[in-house]
Amino acid sequence: MPFYLRTGKRLPTKCSEVVVYFKTPELNLFKESWQDLPQNKLTIRLQPDEGVDIQVLNKVPGLDHKHNLQITKLDLSYSETFNQTHLADAYERLLLETMRGIQALFVRRDEVEEAWKWVDSITEAWAMDNDAPKPYQAGTWGPVASVAMITRDGRSWNEFE
């Protein structure tokens, strides 16, 4: 399963999320009402507004025999669901755990070393291919090459809402 990571400094907005696109069905049973079926997607929002949502193509409820479809979003927003509770941000949680002597939010040395092995393998591949990271203007979504790369694979970047 391919995965794509877009990260950078000075992007247009602060957004940390994991988006999983599900396969589009090979057989479209709803061609008369929806020519190109969109992919269902699961979004796990880490920052801002932590939460989870799933977007699916759904049959509009009713007793008629027509297949009226619409995109429906089921959304769990922590700030809305737990609006009576103070939701600490990541730094608040980290500092509090530090003061309490709890190390659960920290990685061990061997985990850091393994992470660097993974990063080193990427930088070594860049060096062998002479394919260094591409520069981009601050306030943009990254280099044009990132769009070309993902388009070449028949995909597109998720648009931040």
C-alpha atoms as a PDB file:
ATOM      1  CA  MET A   1       0.000   0.000   0.000  1.00  0.00           C
ATOM      2  CA  PRO A   2       1.633   3.263  -1.044  1.00  0.00           C
ATOM      3  CA  PHE A   3       1.765   6.162   1.363  1.00  0.00           C
ATOM      4  CA  TYR A   4       2.770   9.751   0.796  1.00  0.00           C
ATOM      5  CA  LEU A   5       4.054  12.200   3.360  1.00  0.00           C
ATOM      6  CA  ARG A   6       3.908  15.941   2.800  1.00  0.00           C
ATOM      7  CA  THR A   7       5.760  17.935   5.411  1.00  0.00           C
ATOM      8  CA  GLY A   8       7.568  21.211   5.517  1.00  0.00           C
ATOM      9  CA  LYS A   9       8.122  24.529   7.171  1.00  0.00           C
ATOM     10  CA  ARG A  10       6.033  27.613   6.425  1.00  0.00           C
ATOM     11  CA  LEU A  11       3.233  25.753   4.629  1.00  0.00           C
ATOM     12  CA  PRO A  12       0.015  27.790   4.186  1.00  0.00           C
ATOM     13  CA  THR A  13      -1.593  26.323   7.300  1.00  0.00           C
ATOM     14  CA  LYS A  14      -0.722  24.176  10.313  1.00  0.00           C
ATOM     15  CA  CYS A  15      -2.258  20.793   9.698  1.00  0.00           C
ATOM     16  CA  SER A  16      -1.283  17.337  10.928  1.00  0.00           C
ATOM     17  CA  GLU A  17      -3.539  14.556   9.750  1.00  0.00           C
ATOM     18  CA  VAL A  18      -3.519  11.032   8.396  1.00  0.00           C
ATOM     19  CA  VAL A  19      -5.840  10.457   5.440  1.00  0.00           C
ATOM     20  CA  VAL A  20      -6.634   6.952   4.194  1.00  0.00           C
ATOM     21  CA  TYR A  21      -8.306   6.705   0.790  1.00  0.00           C
ATOM     22  CA  PHE A  22     -10.174   3.468   0.207  1.00  0.00           C
ATOM     23  CA  LYS A  23     -10.205   1.752  -3.171  1.00  0.00           C
ATOM     24  CA  THR A  24     -12.930   2.762  -5.577  1.00  0.00           C
ATOM     25  CA  PRO A  25     -15.099  -0.267  -6.425  1.00  0.00           C
ATOM     26  CA  GLU A  26     -14.162  -1.770  -9.775  1.00  0.00           C
ATOM     27  CA  LEU A  27     -17.825  -2.180 -10.721  1.00  0.00           C
ATOM     28  CA  ASN A  28     -20.003   0.937 -10.627  1.00  0.00           C
ATOM     29  CA  LEU A  29     -23.594  -0.102  -9.956  1.00  0.00           C
ATOM     30  CA  PHE A  30     -24.763   3.519  -9.916  1.00  0.00           C
ATOM     31  CA  LYS A  31     -23.634   4.789 -13.334  1.00  0.00           C
ATOM     32  CA  GLU A  32     -27.026   6.340 -14.070  1.00  0.00           C
ATOM     33  CA  SER A  33     -26.741   8.663 -11.062  1.00  0.00           C
ATOM     34  CA  TRP A  34     -22.988   8.889 -10.371  1.00  0.00           C
ATOM     35  CA  GLN A  35     -20.628   8.440 -13.307  1.00  0.00           C
ATOM     36  CA  ASP A  36     -17.296   8.430 -11.444  1.00  0.00           C
ATOM     37  CA  LEU A  37     -17.496   7.083  -7.916  1.00  0.00           C
ATOM     38  CA  PRO A  38     -15.394   9.065  -5.440  1.00  0.00           C
ATOM     39  CA  GLN A  39     -13.137   7.253  -3.008  1.00  0.00           C
ATOM     40  CA  ASN A  40     -14.352   6.903   0.557  1.00  0.00           C
ATOM     41  CA  LYS A  41     -11.835   8.351   2.983  1.00  0.00           C
ATOM     42  CA  LEU A  42     -10.940   8.197   6.645  1.00  0.00           C
ATOM     43  CA  THR A  43      -9.266  11.263   8.159  1.00  0.00           C
ATOM     44  CA  ILE A  44      -7.546  11.239  11.535  1.00  0.00           C
ATOM     45  CA  ARG A  45      -6.922  14.844  12.563  1.00  0.00           C
ATOM     46  CA  LEU A  46      -4.010  15.328  14.955  1.00  0.00           C
ATOM     47  CA  GLN A  47      -3.819  19.150  14.769  1.00  0.00           C
ATOM     48  CA  PRO A  48      -5.741  21.429  14.760  1.00  0.00           C
ATOM     49  CA  ASP A  49      -9.114  20.265  16.127  1.00  0.00           C
ATOM     50  CA  GLU A  50      -8.287  16.657  16.930  1.00  0.00           C
ATOM     51  CA  GLY A  51     -10.822  14.151  15.732  1.00  0.00           C
ATOM     52  CA  VAL A  52     -11.772  11.488  13.245  1.00  0.00           C
ATOM     53  CA  ASP A  53     -14.099  11.618  10.288  1.00  0.00           C
ATOM     54  CA  ILE A  54     -15.100   9.289   7.531  1.00  0.00           C
ATOM     55  CA  GLN A  55     -16.499  10.472   4.224  1.00  0.00           C
ATOM     56  CA  VAL A  56     -18.556   7.981   2.229  1.00  0.00           C
ATOM     57  CA  LEU A  57     -20.784   7.952  -0.826  1.00  0.00           C
ATOM     58  CA  ASN A  58     -24.174   7.125   0.616  1.00  0.00           C
ATOM     59  CA  LYS A  59     -27.629   6.322  -0.762  1.00  0.00           C
ATOM     60  CA  VAL A  60     -30.098   9.003   0.273  1.00  0.00           C
ATOM     61  CA  PRO A  61     -32.680   7.292   2.530  1.00  0.00           C
ATOM     62  CA  GLY A  62     -36.101   6.796   1.030  1.00  0.00           C
ATOM     63  CA  LEU A  63     -38.544   4.257  -0.322  1.00  0.00           C
ATOM     64  CA  ASP A  64     -38.169   5.148  -3.984  1.00  0.00           C
ATOM     65  CA  HIS A  65     -36.267   2.816  -6.263  1.00  0.00           C
ATOM     66  CA  LYS A  66     -33.873   5.507  -7.461  1.00  0.00           C
ATOM     67  CA  HIS A  67     -30.273   5.426  -6.424  1.00  0.00           C
ATOM     68  CA  ASN A  68     -29.910   9.009  -5.263  1.00  0.00           C
ATOM     69  CA  LEU A  69     -26.419   9.253  -3.865  1.00  0.00           C
ATOM     70  CA  GLN A  70     -24.618  11.937  -1.929  1.00  0.00           C
ATOM     71  CA  ILE A  71     -21.310  12.281  -0.141  1.00  0.00           C
ATOM     72  CA  THR A  72     -21.887  12.063   3.613  1.00  0.00           C
ATOM     73  CA  LYS A  73     -19.410  12.871   6.357  1.00  0.00           C
ATOM     74  CA  LEU A  74     -19.498  11.290   9.804  1.00  0.00           C
ATOM     75  CA  ASP A  75     -17.439  13.565  12.028  1.00  0.00           C
ATOM     76  CA  LEU A  76     -16.072  13.184  15.545  1.00  0.00           C
ATOM     77  CA  SER A  77     -14.568  16.482  16.602  1.00  0.00           C
ATOM     78  CA  TYR A  78     -13.033  16.230  20.070  1.00  0.00           C
ATOM     79  CA  SER A  79     -13.592  19.928  20.751  1.00  0.00           C
ATOM     80  CA  GLU A  80     -17.316  19.614  19.976  1.00  0.00           C
ATOM     81  CA  THR A  81     -17.862  16.223  21.621  1.00  0.00           C
ATOM     82  CA  PHE A  82     -15.914  17.074  24.767  1.00  0.00           C
ATOM     83  CA  ASN A  83     -16.779  20.778  24.884  1.00  0.00           C
ATOM     84  CA  GLN A  84     -17.119  20.745  28.698  1.00  0.00           C
ATOM     85  CA  THR A  85     -13.578  19.406  29.103  1.00  0.00           C
ATOM     86  CA  HIS A  86     -10.316  21.319  28.680  1.00  0.00           C
ATOM     87  CA  LEU A  87      -8.414  19.602  25.886  1.00  0.00           C
ATOM     88  CA  ALA A  88      -4.720  20.078  26.502  1.00  0.00           C
ATOM     89  CA  ASP A  89      -2.588  20.641  23.437  1.00  0.00           C
ATOM     90  CA  ALA A  90       0.433  18.446  22.715  1.00  0.00           C
ATOM     91  CA  TYR A  91       2.910  20.674  24.547  1.00  0.00           C
ATOM     92  CA  GLU A  92       0.705  20.922  27.631  1.00  0.00           C
ATOM     93  CA  ARG A  93       0.436  17.130  27.799  1.00  0.00           C
ATOM     94  CA  LEU A  94       4.171  16.710  27.236  1.00  0.00           C
ATOM     95  CA  LEU A  95       5.125  19.192  29.954  1.00  0.00           C
ATOM     96  CA  LEU A  96       2.637  17.745  32.429  1.00  0.00           C
ATOM     97  CA  GLU A  97       3.883  14.190  31.838  1.00  0.00           C
ATOM     98  CA  THR A  98       7.460  15.433  32.288  1.00  0.00           C
ATOM     99  CA  MET A  99       6.612  17.068  35.608  1.00  0.00           C
ATOM    100  CA  ARG A 100       4.895  13.877  36.750  1.00  0.00           C
ATOM    101  CA  GLY A 101       7.911  11.769  35.766  1.00  0.00           C
ATOM    102  CA  ILE A 102       5.903   9.754  33.244  1.00  0.00           C
ATOM    103  CA  GLN A 103       7.926   8.824  30.167  1.00  0.00           C
ATOM    104  CA  ALA A 104       5.143   7.303  28.043  1.00  0.00           C
ATOM    105  CA  LEU A 105       5.185  10.222  25.569  1.00  0.00           C
ATOM    106  CA  PHE A 106       8.935   9.983  25.037  1.00  0.00           C
ATOM    107  CA  VAL A 107      10.819   7.582  22.797  1.00  0.00           C
ATOM    108  CA  ARG A 108      13.654   5.416  24.009  1.00  0.00           C
ATOM    109  CA  ARG A 109      17.183   5.754  22.678  1.00  0.00           C
ATOM    110  CA  ASP A 110      16.911   2.594  20.549  1.00  0.00           C
ATOM    111  CA  GLU A 111      13.731   3.965  18.938  1.00  0.00           C
ATOM    112  CA  VAL A 112      15.510   7.212  18.063  1.00  0.00           C
ATOM    113  CA  GLU A 113      18.433   5.270  16.582  1.00  0.00           C
ATOM    114  CA  GLU A 114      16.073   3.149  14.455  1.00  0.00           C
ATOM    115  CA  ALA A 115      14.257   6.265  13.262  1.00  0.00           C
ATOM    116  CA  TRP A 116      17.552   7.806  12.189  1.00  0.00           C
ATOM    117  CA  LYS A 117      18.461   4.608  10.286  1.00  0.00           C
ATOM    118  CA  TRP A 118      15.249   5.052   8.331  1.00  0.00           C
ATOM    119  CA  VAL A 119      15.991   8.740   7.661  1.00  0.00           C
ATOM    120  CA  ASP A 120      19.598   7.912   6.740  1.00  0.00           C
ATOM    121  CA  SER A 121      18.376   5.400   4.146  1.00  0.00           C
ATOM    122  CA  ILE A 122      16.305   8.162   2.531  1.00  0.00           C
ATOM    123  CA  THR A 123      19.168  10.668   2.438  1.00  0.00           C
ATOM    124  CA  GLU A 124      21.493   7.975   1.046  1.00  0.00           C
ATOM    125  CA  ALA A 125      18.989   7.225  -1.733  1.00  0.00           C
ATOM    126  CA  TRP A 126      18.786  10.939  -2.544  1.00  0.00           C
ATOM    127  CA  ALA A 127      22.577  11.107  -2.727  1.00  0.00           C
ATOM    128  CA  MET A 128      22.789   8.072  -5.046  1.00  0.00           C
ATOM    129  CA  ASP A 129      20.084   9.409  -7.374  1.00  0.00           C
ATOM    130  CA  ASN A 130      21.356  12.970  -7.122  1.00  0.00           C
ATOM    131  CA  ASP A 131      17.774  13.811  -6.166  1.00  0.00           C
ATOM    132  CA  ALA A 132      17.931  16.270  -3.286  1.00  0.00           C
ATOM    133  CA  PRO A 133      14.837  17.833  -1.701  1.00  0.00           C
ATOM    134  CA  LYS A 134      13.366  20.569  -3.885  1.00  0.00           C
ATOM    135  CA  PRO A 135      13.114  24.126  -2.539  1.00  0.00           C
ATOM    136  CA  TYR A 136       9.766  25.935  -2.476  1.00  0.00           C
ATOM    137  CA  GLN A 137       8.353  29.336  -1.620  1.00  0.00           C
ATOM    138  CA  ALA A 138       7.188  29.943   1.948  1.00  0.00           C
ATOM    139  CA  GLY A 139       3.399  29.928   2.222  1.00  0.00           C
ATOM    140  CA  THR A 140       2.914  27.360  -0.555  1.00  0.00           C
ATOM    141  CA  TRP A 141       2.097  23.648  -0.333  1.00  0.00           C
ATOM    142  CA  GLY A 142       5.606  22.671  -1.383  1.00  0.00           C
ATOM    143  CA  PRO A 143       7.541  22.203  -4.578  1.00  0.00           C
ATOM    144  CA  VAL A 144       5.825  21.685  -7.918  1.00  0.00           C
ATOM    145  CA  ALA A 145       7.751  18.408  -8.140  1.00  0.00           C
ATOM    146  CA  SER A 146       5.631  16.999  -5.281  1.00  0.00           C
ATOM    147  CA  VAL A 147       2.470  17.471  -7.331  1.00  0.00           C
ATOM    148  CA  ALA A 148       4.124  15.933 -10.392  1.00  0.00           C
ATOM    149  CA  MET A 149       5.300  12.931  -8.352  1.00  0.00           C
ATOM    150  CA  ILE A 150       1.904  12.088  -6.898  1.00  0.00           C
ATOM    151  CA  THR A 151       0.091  12.811 -10.189  1.00  0.00           C
ATOM    152  CA  ARG A 152       2.445  10.411 -11.959  1.00  0.00           C
ATOM    153  CA  ASP A 153       1.082   7.704  -9.638  1.00  0.00           C
ATOM    154  CA  GLY A 154      -2.520   8.624 -10.517  1.00  0.00           C
ATOM    155  CA  ARG A 155      -3.182  10.280  -7.175  1.00  0.00           C
ATOM    156  CA  SER A 156      -3.529  13.763  -5.718  1.00  0.00           C
ATOM    157  CA  TRP A 157      -2.786  15.463  -2.414  1.00  0.00           C
ATOM    158  CA  ASN A 158      -5.610  15.674   0.074  1.00  0.00           C
ATOM    159  CA  GLU A 159      -6.958  19.202   0.267  1.00  0.00           C
ATOM    160  CA  PHE A 160      -6.966  20.642   3.778  1.00  0.00           C
ATOM    161  CA  GLU A 161     -10.453  21.794   4.774  1.00  0.00           C
END
